[in-house]
Amino acid sequence: MTEYTGTEGVLEIADSPIAVAEFSIKVARGVASHGRSGKHSDLKLPGKVDVTGTIKRIMIDGEMLGKVVGDTEETGTAHDLHAGLTAPGAGGESVTDMTDTNSDKSLIKVTALTAAITAVGKIILYGTDINDNTITEVISITKLGINETITGKKIFKTLTHVASFDYVQVGGTLKVQSVVGASGIVVGEAKIFKIKGTATNGSNHVYVTAENCFLTDGEFAFSDGDTIMSDTLSFTMKDPDADLKVEYV
């Protein structure tokens, strides 16, 4: 007899192992029944098969929650939005319209060109998010050497203008660009993917493979400093008849 514990378990999603995760899959058999006169019980036959499960992992990014929202991931593009903002100077401020407002669902990066930034300040980005809602982001401009950069944390579909405050840069400009690598999900059809739960102990194993799964709910929550944030997600299958496989040795 071979026993298994959680240390033998591995979760794979779309053929990639998922670290620091808890996993369960439940196969339920329904019951088809019919009443019978002259009997004390119904006649029962095996009914439909339903497959559901749960995934819980330490939250390291928004990818899993995004699979509930839709299957279209926006990763952004890299292009210039403004060739270079002129520094407002100590105690100064200015507002500059972008020459290209289409930031294409990306993060925003600024780069010190030609001259260093020698005194700190801030800029405020104005634009829209992936759902066309108005958003802003405040970015602190620290002292920067030539060609050093700062990248924001919000995803902009458009960037219409930038307000600058206080920072000093003599003889140079601050270039504004969109950045490849930001990820955002728009609401749409759920992402379809494969889930595989594996328990292996020596030459013995149990493999449960569920093709064409989709998430039915997900939760983003946090409380305090003693709590590790996690994804808590539920899933089901499109067609268990065709796509569920259980192997064991």
Protein backbone atom coordinates (compact mmCIF):
# COMPACT_ATOMS: atom_id res chain seq x y z
CA MET A 1 0.00 0.00 0.00
CA THR A 2 1.27 3.48 -0.91
CA GLU A 3 0.12 6.54 0.97
CA TYR A 4 0.12 10.09 -0.34
CA THR A 5 0.35 13.42 1.43
CA GLY A 6 0.23 16.96 0.12
CA THR A 7 4.00 16.90 -0.34
CA GLU A 8 3.49 14.49 -3.26
CA GLY A 9 0.93 16.73 -4.93
CA VAL A 10 1.61 19.04 -7.86
CA LEU A 11 -0.87 21.35 -9.60
CA GLU A 12 -0.41 22.26 -13.26
CA ILE A 13 -2.42 24.84 -15.17
CA ALA A 14 -1.98 24.85 -18.95
CA ASP A 15 1.00 22.46 -18.44
CA SER A 16 2.83 24.87 -16.11
CA PRO A 17 3.39 23.92 -12.43
CA ILE A 18 1.78 26.33 -9.94
CA ALA A 19 3.79 26.91 -6.78
CA VAL A 20 2.43 27.36 -3.26
CA ALA A 21 -1.04 26.17 -4.14
CA GLU A 22 -3.86 24.09 -2.68
CA PHE A 23 -6.03 22.08 -5.05
CA SER A 24 -9.14 19.92 -4.98
CA ILE A 25 -11.32 18.34 -7.66
CA LYS A 26 -14.71 16.78 -6.94
CA VAL A 27 -16.53 14.31 -9.18
CA ALA A 28 -20.21 13.98 -8.30
CA ARG A 29 -22.55 11.33 -9.72
CA GLY A 30 -26.17 12.33 -9.92
CA VAL A 31 -29.07 9.96 -9.38
CA ALA A 32 -31.91 9.34 -11.83
CA SER A 33 -34.95 8.03 -9.94
CA HIS A 34 -38.54 7.05 -10.66
CA GLY A 35 -41.37 6.33 -8.28
CA ARG A 36 -42.97 2.85 -8.31
CA SER A 37 -46.42 1.82 -7.16
CA GLY A 38 -46.46 -1.18 -4.84
CA LYS A 39 -42.88 -0.51 -3.74
CA HIS A 40 -41.42 1.18 -0.68
CA SER A 41 -38.65 2.84 -2.70
CA ASP A 42 -37.84 4.56 -5.97
CA LEU A 43 -35.93 2.86 -8.74
CA LYS A 44 -32.57 4.58 -8.97
CA LEU A 45 -30.00 4.60 -11.74
CA PRO A 46 -26.63 6.31 -12.07
CA GLY A 47 -27.17 9.84 -13.31
CA LYS A 48 -25.08 12.63 -14.76
CA VAL A 49 -21.46 13.35 -13.84
CA ASP A 50 -20.53 16.82 -12.62
CA VAL A 51 -16.95 17.96 -12.07
CA THR A 52 -16.05 20.96 -9.93
CA GLY A 53 -13.03 22.01 -7.94
CA THR A 54 -11.15 24.71 -6.10
CA ILE A 55 -7.74 26.34 -6.39
CA LYS A 56 -6.09 28.43 -3.70
CA ARG A 57 -2.62 29.89 -4.08
CA ILE A 58 -0.51 32.74 -2.76
CA MET A 59 -1.32 35.76 -4.91
CA ILE A 60 1.77 36.69 -6.91
CA ASP A 61 -0.06 38.43 -9.77
CA GLY A 62 -3.55 38.99 -11.15
CA GLU A 63 -3.41 36.25 -13.80
CA MET A 64 -5.70 33.73 -12.11
CA LEU A 65 -8.34 36.28 -11.14
CA GLY A 66 -8.12 37.58 -14.70
CA LYS A 67 -9.13 34.15 -16.05
CA VAL A 68 -12.54 34.64 -14.44
CA VAL A 69 -13.00 38.03 -16.07
CA GLY A 70 -12.09 37.15 -19.65
CA ASP A 71 -9.69 35.52 -22.08
CA THR A 72 -8.31 38.66 -23.73
CA GLU A 73 -5.13 39.86 -22.03
CA GLU A 74 -3.85 43.31 -22.90
CA THR A 75 -0.06 43.42 -22.64
CA GLY A 76 0.52 46.92 -23.94
CA THR A 77 2.86 48.28 -26.58
CA ALA A 78 5.96 50.48 -26.57
CA HIS A 79 5.77 53.80 -28.35
CA ASP A 80 6.48 57.47 -27.73
CA LEU A 81 3.69 59.62 -26.31
CA HIS A 82 5.74 62.82 -26.02
CA ALA A 83 9.31 63.49 -27.14
CA GLY A 84 10.19 65.40 -23.98
CA LEU A 85 8.59 67.55 -21.27
CA THR A 86 10.38 70.70 -20.16
CA ALA A 87 11.06 70.79 -16.42
CA PRO A 88 8.88 73.28 -14.50
CA GLY A 89 11.75 74.28 -12.18
CA ALA A 90 11.72 74.73 -8.41
CA GLY A 91 8.28 75.93 -7.30
CA GLY A 92 7.01 75.80 -10.89
CA GLU A 93 4.25 73.87 -12.62
CA SER A 94 3.13 73.17 -16.17
CA VAL A 95 0.62 71.10 -18.13
CA THR A 96 1.54 69.42 -21.42
CA ASP A 97 -0.75 67.69 -23.92
CA MET A 98 0.58 64.44 -25.34
CA THR A 99 1.42 64.37 -29.03
CA ASP A 100 0.18 60.74 -29.14
CA THR A 101 -2.62 59.96 -26.68
CA ASN A 102 -2.96 56.23 -27.47
CA SER A 103 -1.00 54.45 -24.73
CA ASP A 104 -2.63 51.16 -25.79
CA LYS A 105 -3.38 49.70 -22.37
CA SER A 106 0.14 50.05 -21.03
CA LEU A 107 2.15 51.32 -18.10
CA ILE A 108 3.75 54.74 -18.53
CA LYS A 109 7.52 55.28 -18.38
CA VAL A 110 9.42 58.57 -18.23
CA THR A 111 13.12 58.97 -19.14
CA ALA A 112 15.53 61.82 -18.40
CA LEU A 113 17.03 62.91 -21.73
CA THR A 114 20.20 64.95 -22.36
CA ALA A 115 20.55 66.19 -18.75
CA ALA A 116 20.12 64.83 -15.23
CA ILE A 117 17.24 65.74 -12.94
CA THR A 118 18.88 67.48 -10.02
CA ALA A 119 15.92 68.39 -7.79
CA VAL A 120 12.88 66.26 -7.05
CA GLY A 121 9.22 66.90 -7.84
CA LYS A 122 6.25 65.04 -9.28
CA ILE A 123 4.12 64.58 -12.36
CA ILE A 124 0.43 63.70 -12.60
CA LEU A 125 -0.73 61.54 -15.50
CA TYR A 126 -4.25 62.07 -16.86
CA GLY A 127 -6.06 59.66 -19.18
CA THR A 128 -8.45 56.69 -19.34
CA ASP A 129 -8.28 53.06 -18.20
CA ILE A 130 -9.06 49.91 -20.22
CA ASN A 131 -12.80 50.46 -19.61
CA ASP A 132 -12.64 54.10 -20.75
CA ASN A 133 -13.01 55.50 -17.23
CA THR A 134 -11.02 58.61 -16.31
CA ILE A 135 -7.92 57.85 -14.22
CA THR A 136 -4.94 59.74 -12.85
CA GLU A 137 -1.61 58.67 -11.39
CA VAL A 138 0.89 60.65 -9.35
CA ILE A 139 4.53 59.71 -10.01
CA SER A 140 7.28 61.08 -7.79
CA ILE A 141 10.20 62.34 -9.87
CA THR A 142 13.40 61.55 -8.03
CA LYS A 143 16.90 62.64 -8.97
CA LEU A 144 17.76 60.85 -12.22
CA GLY A 145 20.90 60.51 -14.27
CA ILE A 146 20.82 60.81 -18.05
CA ASN A 147 18.68 58.00 -19.57
CA GLU A 148 17.49 56.77 -16.18
CA THR A 149 13.78 55.98 -16.00
CA ILE A 150 10.75 55.78 -13.71
CA THR A 151 7.74 53.58 -14.54
CA GLY A 152 4.23 54.06 -13.16
CA LYS A 153 1.94 51.36 -11.77
CA LYS A 154 -1.39 52.03 -13.46
CA ILE A 155 -2.49 50.84 -16.90
CA PHE A 156 -3.55 53.61 -19.28
CA LYS A 157 -5.58 53.05 -22.44
CA THR A 158 -5.04 56.69 -23.31
CA LEU A 159 -2.77 59.35 -21.84
CA THR A 160 -4.05 62.81 -22.69
CA HIS A 161 -1.80 65.16 -20.72
CA VAL A 162 0.80 65.40 -17.95
CA ALA A 163 1.05 68.02 -15.21
CA SER A 164 4.58 68.66 -13.91
CA PHE A 165 5.59 70.17 -10.57
CA ASP A 166 8.84 71.36 -8.98
CA TYR A 167 11.52 69.12 -10.45
CA VAL A 168 14.65 70.69 -11.93
CA GLN A 169 16.40 69.58 -15.12
CA VAL A 170 18.64 72.11 -16.83
CA GLY A 171 19.05 71.67 -20.59
CA GLY A 172 17.16 68.38 -20.83
CA THR A 173 13.65 66.95 -21.16
CA LEU A 174 11.55 64.13 -19.71
CA LYS A 175 10.44 61.69 -22.40
CA VAL A 176 7.02 59.98 -21.98
CA GLN A 177 6.45 56.47 -23.36
CA SER A 178 4.09 53.53 -23.04
CA VAL A 179 5.66 50.25 -21.93
CA VAL A 180 5.31 46.64 -23.09
CA GLY A 181 4.67 44.20 -20.25
CA ALA A 182 1.72 45.64 -18.36
CA SER A 183 -1.21 43.21 -18.20
CA GLY A 184 -4.89 43.92 -18.01
CA ILE A 185 -8.05 41.90 -18.69
CA VAL A 186 -11.26 43.16 -20.26
CA VAL A 187 -14.63 41.55 -19.47
CA GLY A 188 -15.55 38.84 -21.97
CA GLU A 189 -15.70 35.08 -22.44
CA ALA A 190 -14.02 33.12 -19.64
CA LYS A 191 -10.53 31.75 -20.24
CA ILE A 192 -10.54 28.00 -21.09
CA PHE A 193 -7.54 26.00 -19.86
CA LYS A 194 -6.33 22.56 -18.73
CA ILE A 195 -5.88 21.58 -15.08
CA LYS A 196 -3.82 18.59 -13.97
CA GLY A 197 -3.47 17.37 -10.40
CA THR A 198 -0.67 14.88 -9.82
CA ALA A 199 0.27 12.80 -6.78
CA THR A 200 3.48 10.77 -7.18
CA ASN A 201 5.19 8.52 -4.65
CA GLY A 202 8.01 6.47 -6.12
CA SER A 203 6.61 4.44 -9.02
CA ASN A 204 3.02 4.97 -7.87
CA HIS A 205 0.91 7.86 -9.04
CA VAL A 206 -2.57 9.29 -9.41
CA TYR A 207 -3.16 11.72 -12.28
CA VAL A 208 -6.38 13.67 -12.73
CA THR A 209 -6.48 15.65 -15.97
CA ALA A 210 -9.35 18.02 -16.69
CA GLU A 211 -9.30 19.61 -20.14
CA ASN A 212 -11.33 22.67 -21.10
CA CYS A 213 -11.94 24.04 -17.61
CA PHE A 214 -13.10 27.54 -16.76
CA LEU A 215 -13.27 29.44 -13.49
CA THR A 216 -16.72 30.13 -12.06
CA ASP A 217 -15.69 32.57 -9.35
CA GLY A 218 -12.64 34.27 -7.91
CA GLU A 219 -11.94 36.54 -4.97
CA PHE A 220 -9.50 39.35 -4.32
CA ALA A 221 -9.31 40.09 -0.58
CA PHE A 222 -6.89 41.17 2.14
CA SER A 223 -7.03 42.08 5.82
CA ASP A 224 -3.84 42.87 7.76
CA GLY A 225 -0.10 42.39 7.96
CA ASP A 226 -0.41 38.88 9.41
CA THR A 227 -2.35 37.64 6.38
CA ILE A 228 -0.79 36.40 3.15
CA MET A 229 -2.92 37.42 0.19
CA SER A 230 -4.21 34.51 -1.86
CA ASP A 231 -6.31 33.67 -4.91
CA THR A 232 -9.40 31.65 -4.00
CA LEU A 233 -11.02 30.24 -7.13
CA SER A 234 -13.62 27.68 -8.18
CA PHE A 235 -13.79 25.87 -11.52
CA THR A 236 -15.85 23.46 -13.57
CA MET A 237 -15.48 21.66 -16.90
CA LYS A 238 -17.01 22.24 -20.30
CA ASP A 239 -17.49 18.54 -21.17
CA PRO A 240 -16.51 15.89 -18.59
CA ASP A 241 -17.52 13.06 -20.96
CA ALA A 242 -14.80 14.07 -23.39
CA ASP A 243 -12.26 15.86 -21.24
CA LEU A 244 -11.92 14.16 -17.83
CA LYS A 245 -9.23 11.52 -17.40
CA VAL A 246 -8.14 9.68 -14.25
CA GLU A 247 -5.01 7.49 -14.27
CA TYR A 248 -3.47 5.60 -11.38
CA VAL A 249 -0.87 2.92 -10.71
